[in-house]
Amino acid sequence: MSFQIKKGRFLHACSSENYLAVAYKCDEQNFIEIFQIIQQANIEKQYQVNVHEQVKQVIINQNDELIIISECQNNFFKKKQKYYQYQLEQYSLISKIILNQQKIELENKIICFQNNKNLGIILTKNNNIIVYSLDDLAFLSKIKITSQSFQSIQLTNQNEMFLCPQSNQLLKIDCSQLRENPLPDNIDILQSMHNSRFQLQTILSDALRPNSNILKVFDKYIFSYFENEYIFQNILDLSQKNKYSGISLSATCISVEQDGDLFAVGDFLGNIQIFCSKSEEESDNKNHPIRSFQLQSGIRCIDWLPNGEGIVIGTLDGSIVMKKFSNDLIISSDILIQSNCSITSLKFKTIQDKILLLASNSLGQVIVLEKSQCNSMFQVKYQKEAHLPQSSSSQYGTLGKFAEIWSSIWGLNGVNLIATSSEDTTIKIFNIEKNRIGLKQTLNAHKLAVTSIDWKKMSCQLKEIFASCSDDQTIVIYDPQRDFEIISIFCTSFIKDWYTLTYLSLEEEGSRVAVGSQNGYLFVIDLILKKFIFAERVHLGGIEGVIWKKNKIFTCSNDCSVNVINLKI
């Protein structure tokens, strides 16, 4: 979903479960547009807030109150030292009145903001940290870190602050109960710290650099970004490290080769990059792309040929293109099909001497292409209008014309079953028999668009599982062997940002499912324990692909990064 505000320069935005706030500057004036989020997929403009100073950050707290941090224009000198003034305002989105105001004078400019549900953090250039309450704007602690100058900081939902005071060091500060027990004014990492609220670890990791623009610590992993280089590393096992310094595209899709050693990423500009997923110790290429090329149309989906010798690409202009490789060269390039609508999903399946390709498009059609030993090229074997055009409604989000298919997949038993999910909120199971595709069953467990589906053989206890996720923020687990009876429904609404769920992938022969979201969160659910075992933001943008391959989870995002998460079995 997209919307347009007045002409001007975007400053900052934030959201809660109920509201969206967008700050921008137009004709030298500062404004904040307030929108109400309705039914999770629609927004409605409510009113506009005028701000006298330039907005640096906006936050919506758990009481639906807007926190506005602005930089004042009247900076001043005191004893030949320049001071910068900032103003904090607490504004009720319901009663539309200012509840509280605070001014703060700083010797250096603010370089970083962080917040969770309860606390906000301000970091300045000279390593001063200010912790304040989002409930009443009270300043709870002002800390000076004596160390190298660092650029980023993280505040978790557990009120733990993480920062990198110097290379290969990670400082964790306990920020709980600050009203009763404020932090000391100065923390010198060069001196031994006897306070139990501070933990300084030395970790030989490239991810720990003071000049990193982004630093994230979650569970036992470190994620950092600096100068177009992304590093993802396991703190407990430093050999589990992935570094990507060549990614320069805003990813729209990802596909992993059968063995899990290579993956391909595409974007809307037609760029495709192929990477090796081995750790830096195993690979000589340091995770730069080993192959890059560009098509004339934007990339919507990719899948690897079953033998790993190339990829097929679905484009926005309706082409399915096959590229075959040999070493570092493209040895052939063929257009398998050309249509008048976007190709949204591609999935291969091999049956004896035949290779089958399942394709879906934005007109709600599924197409099966076949290549046998007798044929050198793929040919269209079946075609079906799987999701018919729909009339516009409050739940139907496309153009009120076509029921776009978001995801399609092969069934497990032979080649006779396929499944599709659509913008029309339904999942359809089709049976291929007697040279035609016939509807077998329709699943209506979701209230909004069904964005991704998967169907895999799982552990001995789970057997066969079908899973789906949706714009309605739920994940539904089905038993295909019992007419797709619903086993479990998981809701992710405990994340209070505005978002939808985008992609999911089941752990083959395992017991877990990984799900990505539009606001960068990755969820991992144990289907036997029936609980979330991981829920953290791993990307700064929307997740545009999730693949669970062997002991790795691959995610790509429009924040120009790809994560390869190595899991311990």
Protein backbone atom coordinates (compact mmCIF):
# COMPACT_ATOMS: atom_id res chain seq x y z
CA MET A 1 0.00 0.00 0.00
CA SER A 2 1.22 3.52 -0.75
CA PHE A 3 -0.10 7.03 -0.28
CA GLN A 4 0.99 10.57 -1.03
CA ILE A 5 1.45 13.60 1.21
CA LYS A 6 2.00 17.21 0.22
CA LYS A 7 5.06 18.19 -1.75
CA GLY A 8 8.03 18.61 0.53
CA ARG A 9 11.00 16.87 2.11
CA PHE A 10 10.34 13.77 4.18
CA LEU A 11 11.81 14.00 7.71
CA HIS A 12 10.69 10.97 9.72
CA ALA A 13 7.78 8.58 10.26
CA CYS A 14 6.55 6.16 12.89
CA SER A 15 3.52 3.98 13.56
CA SER A 16 1.64 2.12 16.24
CA GLU A 17 -1.18 -0.39 16.02
CA ASN A 18 -3.69 2.44 15.55
CA TYR A 19 -1.84 5.44 14.08
CA LEU A 20 0.74 6.49 11.52
CA ALA A 21 2.65 9.79 11.83
CA VAL A 22 4.63 11.27 8.92
CA ALA A 23 6.83 14.37 9.45
CA TYR A 24 7.90 16.50 6.48
CA LYS A 25 9.05 19.99 5.60
CA CYS A 26 7.31 22.13 2.97
CA ASP A 27 7.94 25.82 2.15
CA GLU A 28 10.19 26.19 5.21
CA GLN A 29 7.40 24.93 7.50
CA ASN A 30 7.30 21.66 9.43
CA PHE A 31 4.23 19.44 9.46
CA ILE A 32 3.21 16.05 10.85
CA GLU A 33 0.37 14.24 9.09
CA ILE A 34 -1.62 11.92 11.38
CA PHE A 35 -3.32 8.88 9.84
CA GLN A 36 -5.51 6.27 11.49
CA ILE A 37 -4.86 2.63 10.61
CA ILE A 38 -8.09 0.79 9.84
CA GLN A 39 -8.33 -3.02 9.54
CA GLN A 40 -4.50 -3.25 9.32
CA ALA A 41 -4.42 -2.66 5.56
CA ASN A 42 -6.09 0.74 5.09
CA ILE A 43 -5.22 4.17 6.43
CA GLU A 44 -7.33 7.30 6.68
CA LYS A 45 -5.97 10.81 7.15
CA GLN A 46 -7.18 12.42 10.39
CA TYR A 47 -5.49 15.81 10.80
CA GLN A 48 -2.24 17.78 10.56
CA VAL A 49 0.04 19.04 13.34
CA ASN A 50 2.12 22.20 12.76
CA VAL A 51 5.58 22.20 14.36
CA HIS A 52 7.62 25.39 14.82
CA GLU A 53 11.04 23.71 14.79
CA GLN A 54 12.56 21.14 12.43
CA VAL A 55 11.47 17.63 13.37
CA LYS A 56 14.27 15.12 13.91
CA GLN A 57 12.25 12.14 15.18
CA VAL A 58 8.67 11.15 15.93
CA ILE A 59 7.62 8.25 18.19
CA ILE A 60 4.18 6.94 19.13
CA ASN A 61 4.18 5.47 22.64
CA GLN A 62 1.97 2.68 23.98
CA ASN A 63 -0.66 5.24 25.12
CA ASP A 64 -1.15 6.56 21.54
CA GLU A 65 0.77 9.73 22.40
CA LEU A 66 3.11 11.30 19.87
CA ILE A 67 6.65 12.18 21.02
CA ILE A 68 8.20 14.89 18.82
CA ILE A 69 11.93 15.68 18.99
CA SER A 70 12.83 18.93 17.20
CA GLU A 71 16.05 20.88 16.72
CA CYS A 72 15.67 24.52 17.76
CA GLN A 73 17.09 27.26 15.56
CA ASN A 74 18.34 29.49 18.40
CA ASN A 75 21.63 27.76 19.24
CA PHE A 76 23.89 29.77 21.56
CA PHE A 77 27.42 30.00 23.02
CA LYS A 78 28.34 29.61 26.66
CA LYS A 79 31.97 30.20 27.69
CA LYS A 80 32.98 30.02 24.01
CA GLN A 81 31.31 26.63 23.71
CA LYS A 82 28.49 26.27 21.20
CA TYR A 83 25.34 24.60 22.51
CA TYR A 84 22.54 23.01 20.52
CA GLN A 85 18.96 23.17 21.74
CA TYR A 86 16.39 20.43 21.21
CA GLN A 87 12.76 20.30 22.25
CA LEU A 88 10.75 17.22 23.26
CA GLU A 89 6.95 17.41 23.08
CA GLN A 90 4.35 14.90 24.17
CA TYR A 91 1.15 15.20 22.14
CA SER A 92 -2.11 13.28 22.61
CA LEU A 93 -3.33 11.85 19.31
CA ILE A 94 -6.79 11.36 20.77
CA SER A 95 -7.46 14.71 22.51
CA LYS A 96 -5.09 16.65 20.16
CA ILE A 97 -3.38 18.64 22.92
CA ILE A 98 0.21 19.03 24.10
CA LEU A 99 0.64 17.12 27.36
CA ASN A 100 4.25 17.90 28.18
CA GLN A 101 7.33 19.76 26.93
CA GLN A 102 11.03 19.49 27.70
CA LYS A 103 14.06 21.40 26.42
CA ILE A 104 17.59 20.07 26.41
CA GLU A 105 20.92 21.82 25.74
CA LEU A 106 23.74 19.72 24.27
CA GLU A 107 27.38 20.46 23.46
CA ASN A 108 27.19 18.33 20.31
CA LYS A 109 24.57 17.46 17.74
CA ILE A 110 22.43 14.35 18.04
CA ILE A 111 23.60 11.55 15.72
CA CYS A 112 21.35 8.65 16.72
CA PHE A 113 17.92 7.99 18.22
CA GLN A 114 16.64 4.69 19.59
CA ASN A 115 13.54 3.68 21.49
CA ASN A 116 11.47 0.72 22.65
CA LYS A 117 7.97 0.71 24.17
CA ASN A 118 9.00 2.50 27.38
CA LEU A 119 12.29 4.34 26.88
CA GLY A 120 13.94 6.66 24.38
CA ILE A 121 17.67 7.15 23.86
CA ILE A 122 19.56 10.11 22.38
CA LEU A 123 23.22 9.72 21.36
CA THR A 124 25.41 12.76 20.59
CA LYS A 125 28.73 13.05 18.77
CA ASN A 126 30.84 13.15 21.95
CA ASN A 127 29.43 9.86 23.31
CA ASN A 128 26.83 11.45 25.59
CA ILE A 129 23.74 9.29 26.05
CA ILE A 130 20.44 10.58 27.40
CA VAL A 131 17.77 8.09 28.47
CA TYR A 132 14.25 9.42 28.92
CA SER A 133 10.77 8.03 29.58
CA LEU A 134 8.26 7.86 26.75
CA ASP A 135 5.44 8.09 29.29
CA ASP A 136 6.21 11.57 30.69
CA LEU A 137 9.47 12.76 28.99
CA ALA A 138 11.34 12.58 32.31
CA PHE A 139 15.13 12.39 31.87
CA LEU A 140 16.17 9.22 33.67
CA SER A 141 19.93 9.14 33.07
CA LYS A 142 22.65 11.17 31.35
CA ILE A 143 25.77 9.13 30.68
CA LYS A 144 29.17 9.97 29.23
CA ILE A 145 31.02 6.98 27.72
CA THR A 146 34.80 7.48 27.79
CA SER A 147 35.94 5.57 24.71
CA GLN A 148 36.38 5.94 20.98
CA SER A 149 33.63 7.86 19.24
CA PHE A 150 30.85 5.44 18.25
CA GLN A 151 28.02 6.04 15.77
CA SER A 152 25.20 3.65 16.67
CA ILE A 153 23.38 2.27 19.66
CA GLN A 154 20.60 -0.24 20.28
CA LEU A 155 17.85 -0.43 22.89
CA THR A 156 16.00 -3.76 23.15
CA ASN A 157 12.49 -4.43 24.43
CA GLN A 158 14.14 -5.91 27.52
CA ASN A 159 15.58 -2.43 28.35
CA GLU A 160 19.11 -3.53 27.46
CA MET A 161 21.37 -1.00 25.73
CA PHE A 162 24.11 -2.26 23.36
CA LEU A 163 26.96 -0.23 21.90
CA CYS A 164 30.47 -0.76 20.51
CA PRO A 165 32.88 1.53 22.43
CA GLN A 166 35.90 0.30 20.48
CA SER A 167 36.77 -2.42 17.97
CA ASN A 168 35.97 -6.00 19.05
CA GLN A 169 34.15 -4.84 22.18
CA LEU A 170 30.46 -5.02 23.02
CA LEU A 171 29.08 -3.09 25.99
CA LYS A 172 25.70 -4.05 27.43
CA ILE A 173 24.02 -1.68 29.90
CA ASP A 174 20.99 -2.62 31.99
CA CYS A 175 18.49 0.26 31.70
CA SER A 176 15.73 -1.23 33.84
CA GLN A 177 14.51 0.58 36.99
CA LEU A 178 16.22 3.85 36.08
CA ARG A 179 13.81 5.96 38.14
CA GLU A 180 14.87 4.18 41.33
CA ASN A 181 18.49 3.60 40.36
CA PRO A 182 19.91 5.98 37.70
CA LEU A 183 23.08 5.10 35.83
CA PRO A 184 26.36 6.82 36.77
CA ASP A 185 27.28 10.02 34.94
CA ASN A 186 30.48 8.59 33.48
CA ILE A 187 31.48 5.14 32.24
CA ASP A 188 35.17 4.66 31.46
CA ILE A 189 35.70 1.42 29.58
CA LEU A 190 39.48 1.68 30.10
CA GLN A 191 38.97 1.18 33.83
CA SER A 192 37.60 -1.94 35.42
CA MET A 193 33.87 -1.73 35.95
CA HIS A 194 32.51 -3.20 39.15
CA ASN A 195 28.87 -2.37 38.49
CA SER A 196 26.73 -5.43 37.75
CA ARG A 197 24.63 -3.34 35.36
CA PHE A 198 27.50 -3.12 32.85
CA GLN A 199 28.91 -6.05 30.89
CA LEU A 200 31.88 -5.47 28.58
CA GLN A 201 32.72 -8.37 26.27
CA THR A 202 35.71 -8.72 23.97
CA ILE A 203 34.60 -10.52 20.81
CA LEU A 204 36.91 -10.87 17.80
CA SER A 205 34.30 -9.87 15.26
CA ASP A 206 34.42 -7.58 12.22
CA ALA A 207 30.83 -6.69 13.09
CA LEU A 208 31.99 -4.77 16.18
CA ARG A 209 33.34 -1.45 14.93
CA PRO A 210 32.65 1.94 16.57
CA ASN A 211 32.04 3.58 13.19
CA SER A 212 29.28 1.14 12.17
CA ASN A 213 26.19 3.02 11.00
CA ILE A 214 23.93 0.28 12.35
CA LEU A 215 24.50 -2.15 15.23
CA LYS A 216 21.92 -4.77 16.19
CA VAL A 217 22.28 -7.52 18.78
CA PHE A 218 19.56 -10.15 19.13
CA ASP A 219 19.67 -13.52 20.80
CA LYS A 220 23.26 -14.64 20.10
CA TYR A 221 23.80 -12.78 16.84
CA ILE A 222 25.42 -9.46 15.88
CA PHE A 223 24.34 -7.53 12.79
CA SER A 224 26.17 -4.39 11.65
CA TYR A 225 26.41 -2.16 8.59
CA PHE A 226 29.16 0.22 7.45
CA GLU A 227 29.92 1.64 3.97
CA ASN A 228 27.74 -0.84 2.04
CA GLU A 229 29.11 -3.83 3.97
CA TYR A 230 26.76 -6.01 6.02
CA ILE A 231 28.08 -8.48 8.61
CA PHE A 232 26.01 -11.10 10.40
CA GLN A 233 27.80 -13.20 13.04
CA ASN A 234 27.08 -15.73 15.78
CA ILE A 235 28.59 -14.49 19.07
CA LEU A 236 28.89 -18.00 20.50
CA ASP A 237 30.43 -19.50 17.36
CA LEU A 238 32.53 -16.90 15.55
CA SER A 239 33.05 -19.23 12.58
CA GLN A 240 29.38 -18.63 11.71
CA LYS A 241 29.87 -15.34 9.94
CA ASN A 242 28.49 -13.90 6.73
CA LYS A 243 29.79 -10.70 5.17
CA TYR A 244 28.14 -9.08 2.15
CA SER A 245 29.95 -6.09 0.70
CA GLY A 246 28.73 -6.23 -2.89
CA ILE A 247 24.97 -5.94 -2.49
CA SER A 248 23.86 -2.75 -4.21
CA LEU A 249 20.27 -3.60 -5.10
CA SER A 250 16.96 -3.20 -3.31
CA ALA A 251 16.01 -6.87 -3.33
CA THR A 252 12.56 -7.99 -4.48
CA CYS A 253 13.12 -11.78 -4.50
CA ILE A 254 15.58 -14.51 -3.57
CA SER A 255 16.12 -18.14 -4.60
CA VAL A 256 18.54 -20.69 -3.17
CA GLU A 257 20.18 -23.45 -5.21
CA GLN A 258 19.31 -27.04 -4.25
CA ASP A 259 22.51 -27.67 -2.24
CA GLY A 260 22.20 -24.34 -0.44
CA ASP A 261 25.64 -23.14 -1.57
CA LEU A 262 24.49 -20.44 -4.01
CA PHE A 263 21.66 -17.94 -3.96
CA ALA A 264 20.34 -15.40 -6.47
CA VAL A 265 18.79 -12.00 -5.69
CA GLY A 266 16.86 -9.70 -8.06
CA ASP A 267 15.45 -6.16 -7.98
CA PHE A 268 12.88 -4.00 -9.77
CA LEU A 269 15.57 -2.42 -11.96
CA GLY A 270 16.30 -5.78 -13.60
CA ASN A 271 19.56 -6.46 -11.73
CA ILE A 272 20.42 -10.01 -10.66
CA GLN A 273 23.34 -10.92 -8.41
CA ILE A 274 24.47 -14.43 -7.45
CA PHE A 275 26.33 -15.08 -4.20
CA CYS A 276 28.03 -17.97 -2.46
CA SER A 277 26.43 -18.69 0.92
CA LYS A 278 29.48 -20.39 2.43
CA SER A 279 31.05 -18.66 5.40
CA GLU A 280 34.02 -16.38 4.84
CA GLU A 281 36.42 -19.08 6.05
CA GLU A 282 35.15 -21.50 3.36
CA SER A 283 34.94 -19.02 0.49
CA ASP A 284 37.61 -17.10 -1.37
CA ASN A 285 35.25 -14.47 -2.79
CA LYS A 286 34.50 -12.76 0.55
CA ASN A 287 30.82 -12.87 -0.37
CA HIS A 288 31.01 -10.41 -3.21
CA PRO A 289 28.63 -11.42 -6.01
CA ILE A 290 30.22 -14.16 -8.12
CA ARG A 291 27.99 -13.29 -11.07
CA SER A 292 25.92 -10.21 -12.03
CA PHE A 293 23.77 -9.31 -15.02
CA GLN A 294 20.75 -7.18 -15.90
CA LEU A 295 17.48 -7.68 -17.80
CA GLN A 296 15.41 -4.99 -19.47
CA SER A 297 12.49 -5.46 -17.05
CA GLY A 298 12.15 -5.55 -13.26
CA ILE A 299 12.59 -8.91 -11.50
CA ARG A 300 9.60 -10.34 -9.61
CA CYS A 301 10.67 -13.96 -8.89
CA ILE A 302 13.53 -16.42 -9.44
CA ASP A 303 14.02 -20.19 -9.19
CA TRP A 304 17.08 -22.39 -9.77
CA LEU A 305 17.10 -25.13 -12.39
CA PRO A 306 16.97 -28.54 -10.63
CA ASN A 307 20.55 -29.35 -11.76
CA GLY A 308 21.85 -26.00 -10.47
CA GLU A 309 23.22 -25.00 -13.87
CA GLY A 310 21.13 -21.85 -14.19
CA ILE A 311 18.06 -19.92 -13.12
CA VAL A 312 14.65 -18.96 -14.49
CA ILE A 313 13.47 -15.40 -13.92
CA GLY A 314 9.94 -14.01 -13.83
CA THR A 315 9.70 -10.34 -14.81
CA LEU A 316 7.29 -7.47 -14.38
CA ASP A 317 6.66 -7.31 -18.13
CA GLY A 318 5.46 -10.94 -18.23
CA SER A 319 8.57 -12.78 -19.46
CA ILE A 320 9.97 -16.02 -18.10
CA VAL A 321 13.69 -16.01 -18.97
CA MET A 322 16.10 -18.94 -18.51
CA LYS A 323 19.81 -18.25 -18.03
CA LYS A 324 22.31 -21.14 -18.04
CA PHE A 325 25.83 -20.79 -16.64
CA SER A 326 29.19 -22.47 -17.08
CA ASN A 327 31.88 -21.29 -14.67
CA ASP A 328 31.60 -17.48 -14.81
CA LEU A 329 29.95 -17.29 -18.24
CA ILE A 330 26.30 -17.23 -19.34
CA ILE A 331 26.21 -19.88 -22.06
CA SER A 332 22.55 -19.51 -23.05
CA SER A 333 19.62 -17.14 -22.58
CA ASP A 334 16.10 -18.12 -23.67
CA ILE A 335 12.64 -16.60 -23.24
CA LEU A 336 10.33 -19.47 -22.26
CA ILE A 337 7.12 -17.46 -22.35
CA GLN A 338 5.97 -13.88 -22.95
CA SER A 339 2.68 -12.62 -21.53
CA ASN A 340 0.99 -9.30 -20.83
CA CYS A 341 1.14 -9.41 -17.03
CA SER A 342 3.72 -9.82 -14.25
CA ILE A 343 5.04 -13.28 -13.37
CA THR A 344 4.65 -13.57 -9.60
CA SER A 345 5.93 -17.05 -8.70
CA LEU A 346 8.10 -19.82 -10.19
CA LYS A 347 8.61 -23.35 -8.82
CA PHE A 348 10.36 -26.35 -10.40
CA LYS A 349 9.54 -30.04 -9.91
CA THR A 350 11.23 -33.11 -11.40
CA ILE A 351 9.28 -36.30 -12.12
CA GLN A 352 11.31 -39.14 -13.65
CA ASP A 353 12.61 -37.79 -16.99
CA LYS A 354 10.42 -34.66 -16.97
CA ILE A 355 11.12 -31.20 -15.59
CA LEU A 356 8.00 -29.19 -14.77
CA LEU A 357 7.83 -25.45 -14.04
CA LEU A 358 4.83 -24.00 -12.19
CA ALA A 359 4.30 -20.29 -12.90
CA SER A 360 1.65 -17.84 -11.69
CA ASN A 361 0.88 -14.27 -12.67
CA SER A 362 -0.86 -11.06 -11.69
CA LEU A 363 -3.98 -11.97 -13.71
CA GLY A 364 -4.72 -14.88 -11.37
CA GLN A 365 -3.53 -17.56 -13.82
CA VAL A 366 -1.38 -20.65 -13.23
CA ILE A 367 0.72 -22.09 -16.04
CA VAL A 368 2.57 -25.42 -16.08
CA LEU A 369 5.50 -25.74 -18.48
CA GLU A 370 7.09 -29.12 -19.28
CA LYS A 371 10.45 -30.21 -20.64
CA SER A 372 11.16 -33.88 -21.36
CA GLN A 373 14.09 -35.75 -22.90
CA CYS A 374 12.31 -35.49 -26.25
CA ASN A 375 12.04 -31.69 -26.07
CA SER A 376 14.99 -29.33 -25.79
CA MET A 377 12.78 -26.42 -24.66
CA PHE A 378 9.99 -25.93 -22.17
CA GLN A 379 6.47 -25.98 -23.59
CA VAL A 380 3.16 -24.90 -22.02
CA LYS A 381 1.39 -28.05 -20.82
CA TYR A 382 -1.51 -26.62 -18.77
CA GLN A 383 -3.03 -23.19 -18.16
CA LYS A 384 -5.83 -22.21 -15.77
CA GLU A 385 -7.55 -19.06 -14.49
CA ALA A 386 -7.14 -19.99 -10.85
CA HIS A 387 -8.41 -16.80 -9.17
CA LEU A 388 -11.07 -14.94 -11.10
CA PRO A 389 -11.45 -11.14 -11.20
CA GLN A 390 -13.05 -9.59 -8.15
CA SER A 391 -15.07 -6.45 -7.60
CA SER A 392 -13.55 -3.81 -5.34
CA SER A 393 -14.15 -4.06 -1.59
CA SER A 394 -12.66 -2.83 1.69
CA GLN A 395 -10.65 -6.06 1.97
CA TYR A 396 -9.64 -6.41 -1.65
CA GLY A 397 -6.55 -4.31 -2.16
CA THR A 398 -5.46 -4.56 -5.80
CA LEU A 399 -7.14 -2.44 -8.50
CA GLY A 400 -10.56 -4.01 -8.18
CA LYS A 401 -9.87 -5.96 -11.39
CA PHE A 402 -7.68 -9.02 -10.96
CA ALA A 403 -7.11 -11.53 -8.18
CA GLU A 404 -3.33 -11.47 -8.31
CA ILE A 405 -1.61 -14.71 -7.26
CA TRP A 406 1.10 -13.99 -4.70
CA SER A 407 2.44 -17.52 -4.26
CA SER A 408 2.12 -20.94 -5.89
CA ILE A 409 3.64 -24.29 -4.99
CA TRP A 410 3.66 -27.98 -5.91
CA GLY A 411 2.03 -30.59 -3.69
CA LEU A 412 4.18 -33.35 -2.22
CA ASN A 413 2.63 -36.48 -3.72
CA GLY A 414 3.67 -36.78 -7.33
CA VAL A 415 2.72 -34.03 -9.76
CA ASN A 416 -1.04 -33.96 -9.49
CA LEU A 417 -1.52 -31.25 -6.80
CA ILE A 418 -0.71 -27.56 -6.83
CA ALA A 419 -1.68 -24.74 -4.43
CA THR A 420 -2.08 -21.01 -5.01
CA SER A 421 -2.63 -18.01 -2.72
CA SER A 422 -4.12 -14.72 -3.82
CA GLU A 423 -4.98 -11.12 -3.14
CA ASP A 424 -8.62 -12.32 -3.01
CA THR A 425 -7.93 -13.75 0.52
CA THR A 426 -8.24 -17.40 -0.57
CA ILE A 427 -5.96 -20.39 -1.03
CA LYS A 428 -6.92 -22.87 -3.72
CA ILE A 429 -5.84 -26.49 -4.11
CA PHE A 430 -5.93 -27.82 -7.66
CA ASN A 431 -5.76 -31.37 -9.02
CA ILE A 432 -4.08 -32.08 -12.37
CA GLU A 433 -5.72 -35.03 -14.08
CA LYS A 434 -6.94 -36.00 -17.53
CA ASN A 435 -4.86 -33.20 -19.07
CA ARG A 436 -6.66 -30.43 -17.19
CA ILE A 437 -6.34 -28.45 -13.96
CA GLY A 438 -9.44 -28.78 -11.77
CA LEU A 439 -10.31 -27.09 -8.49
CA LYS A 440 -10.16 -29.52 -5.56
CA GLN A 441 -10.61 -27.29 -2.52
CA THR A 442 -10.75 -23.62 -1.40
CA LEU A 443 -9.32 -22.54 1.96
CA ASN A 444 -10.77 -19.40 3.60
CA ALA A 445 -8.83 -19.09 6.85
CA HIS A 446 -7.55 -15.55 6.18
CA LYS A 447 -9.36 -12.20 6.19
CA LEU A 448 -6.91 -10.31 3.94
CA ALA A 449 -4.56 -11.11 1.06
CA VAL A 450 -2.68 -14.42 1.43
CA THR A 451 0.91 -13.46 0.63
CA SER A 452 2.86 -16.73 0.90
CA ILE A 453 2.34 -20.50 1.19
CA ASP A 454 4.60 -23.52 1.67
CA TRP A 455 4.08 -27.30 1.64
CA LYS A 456 6.75 -29.66 2.96
CA LYS A 457 7.43 -33.02 4.53
CA MET A 458 8.35 -32.29 8.14
CA SER A 459 9.53 -34.33 11.14
CA CYS A 460 8.15 -37.79 11.96
CA GLN A 461 5.82 -36.22 14.52
CA LEU A 462 4.43 -33.55 12.18
CA LYS A 463 4.55 -35.60 8.95
CA GLU A 464 3.20 -33.33 6.19
CA ILE A 465 2.47 -29.62 6.76
CA PHE A 466 0.92 -26.84 4.67
CA ALA A 467 1.41 -23.25 5.92
CA SER A 468 0.19 -19.78 4.90
CA CYS A 469 0.69 -16.17 6.00
CA SER A 470 -1.35 -13.08 5.25
CA ASP A 471 -1.75 -9.33 5.38
CA ASP A 472 -4.01 -10.01 8.39
CA GLN A 473 -0.84 -10.72 10.48
CA THR A 474 -1.63 -14.42 11.03
CA ILE A 475 0.11 -17.68 10.14
CA VAL A 476 -2.15 -20.71 9.62
CA ILE A 477 -0.90 -24.31 9.80
CA TYR A 478 -2.87 -27.07 8.02
CA ASP A 479 -2.79 -30.88 7.77
CA PRO A 480 -2.98 -31.76 4.04
CA GLN A 481 -3.60 -35.43 4.86
CA ARG A 482 -6.86 -34.50 6.60
CA ASP A 483 -8.41 -32.30 3.90
CA PHE A 484 -6.34 -29.32 5.04
CA GLU A 485 -7.77 -29.28 8.52
CA ILE A 486 -6.43 -26.29 10.49
CA ILE A 487 -3.93 -27.39 13.16
CA SER A 488 -2.84 -24.02 14.55
CA ILE A 489 -3.24 -20.28 14.01
CA PHE A 490 -0.48 -17.92 15.16
CA CYS A 491 -1.00 -14.17 15.44
CA THR A 492 1.88 -11.67 15.31
CA SER A 493 -0.11 -8.63 16.45
CA PHE A 494 2.11 -8.36 19.56
CA ILE A 495 4.39 -6.32 17.26
CA LYS A 496 2.77 -2.89 17.54
CA ASP A 497 4.11 -1.33 14.33
CA TRP A 498 2.03 -1.20 11.16
CA TYR A 499 3.03 -4.13 8.94
CA THR A 500 1.87 -7.15 6.97
CA LEU A 501 3.39 -10.64 6.73
CA THR A 502 5.20 -11.15 3.42
CA TYR A 503 6.91 -14.55 3.04
CA LEU A 504 7.28 -17.83 4.91
CA SER A 505 9.25 -21.07 4.61
CA LEU A 506 8.92 -24.41 6.42
CA GLU A 507 11.94 -26.29 7.75
CA GLU A 508 11.99 -29.45 5.63
CA GLU A 509 12.09 -32.60 7.82
CA GLY A 510 12.08 -30.29 10.84
CA SER A 511 9.52 -28.72 13.15
CA ARG A 512 9.77 -24.96 12.56
CA VAL A 513 8.55 -22.26 10.20
CA ALA A 514 10.20 -18.89 9.44
CA VAL A 515 8.05 -15.86 8.52
CA GLY A 516 9.08 -12.39 7.32
CA SER A 517 7.22 -9.10 7.60
CA GLN A 518 6.96 -5.77 5.83
CA ASN A 519 8.67 -3.96 8.72
CA GLY A 520 11.74 -6.23 8.75
CA TYR A 521 10.77 -8.68 11.50
CA LEU A 522 11.66 -12.35 11.27
CA PHE A 523 9.50 -14.78 13.24
CA VAL A 524 10.41 -18.41 13.92
CA ILE A 525 7.70 -20.70 15.31
CA ASP A 526 8.14 -24.20 16.74
CA LEU A 527 5.12 -26.11 15.42
CA ILE A 528 5.41 -28.90 17.99
CA LEU A 529 5.70 -26.58 20.99
CA LYS A 530 3.22 -24.23 19.26
CA LYS A 531 5.06 -21.07 20.28
CA PHE A 532 7.26 -18.32 18.91
CA ILE A 533 10.93 -19.02 19.58
CA PHE A 534 12.24 -15.93 17.77
CA ALA A 535 10.74 -12.54 16.89
CA GLU A 536 13.22 -9.77 16.10
CA ARG A 537 13.76 -7.09 13.45
CA VAL A 538 16.57 -8.35 11.21
CA HIS A 539 16.12 -5.86 8.34
CA LEU A 540 15.56 -2.12 8.16
CA GLY A 541 13.13 -2.55 5.26
CA GLY A 542 10.45 -5.00 4.22
CA ILE A 543 11.46 -8.66 3.89
CA GLU A 544 10.97 -9.67 0.25
CA GLY A 545 11.92 -13.34 0.52
CA VAL A 546 12.39 -16.08 3.16
CA ILE A 547 13.88 -19.49 2.36
CA TRP A 548 14.75 -22.24 4.86
CA LYS A 549 17.35 -24.49 3.25
CA LYS A 550 18.97 -27.20 5.39
CA ASN A 551 20.51 -25.42 8.42
CA LYS A 552 20.28 -21.90 6.98
CA ILE A 553 17.58 -19.24 6.77
CA PHE A 554 17.96 -16.82 3.85
CA THR A 555 16.18 -13.45 3.92
CA CYS A 556 16.35 -10.55 1.46
CA SER A 557 15.03 -7.04 1.88
CA ASN A 558 14.50 -3.76 0.09
CA ASP A 559 17.05 -2.28 2.55
CA CYS A 560 19.76 -3.55 0.13
CA SER A 561 20.80 -6.46 2.36
CA VAL A 562 20.60 -10.23 2.47
CA ASN A 563 20.92 -12.24 5.68
CA VAL A 564 22.14 -15.84 5.74
CA ILE A 565 21.50 -17.17 9.24
CA ASN A 566 23.39 -20.34 10.11
CA LEU A 567 21.49 -22.51 12.58
CA LYS A 568 22.86 -25.10 14.98
CA ILE A 569 21.10 -28.42 14.44
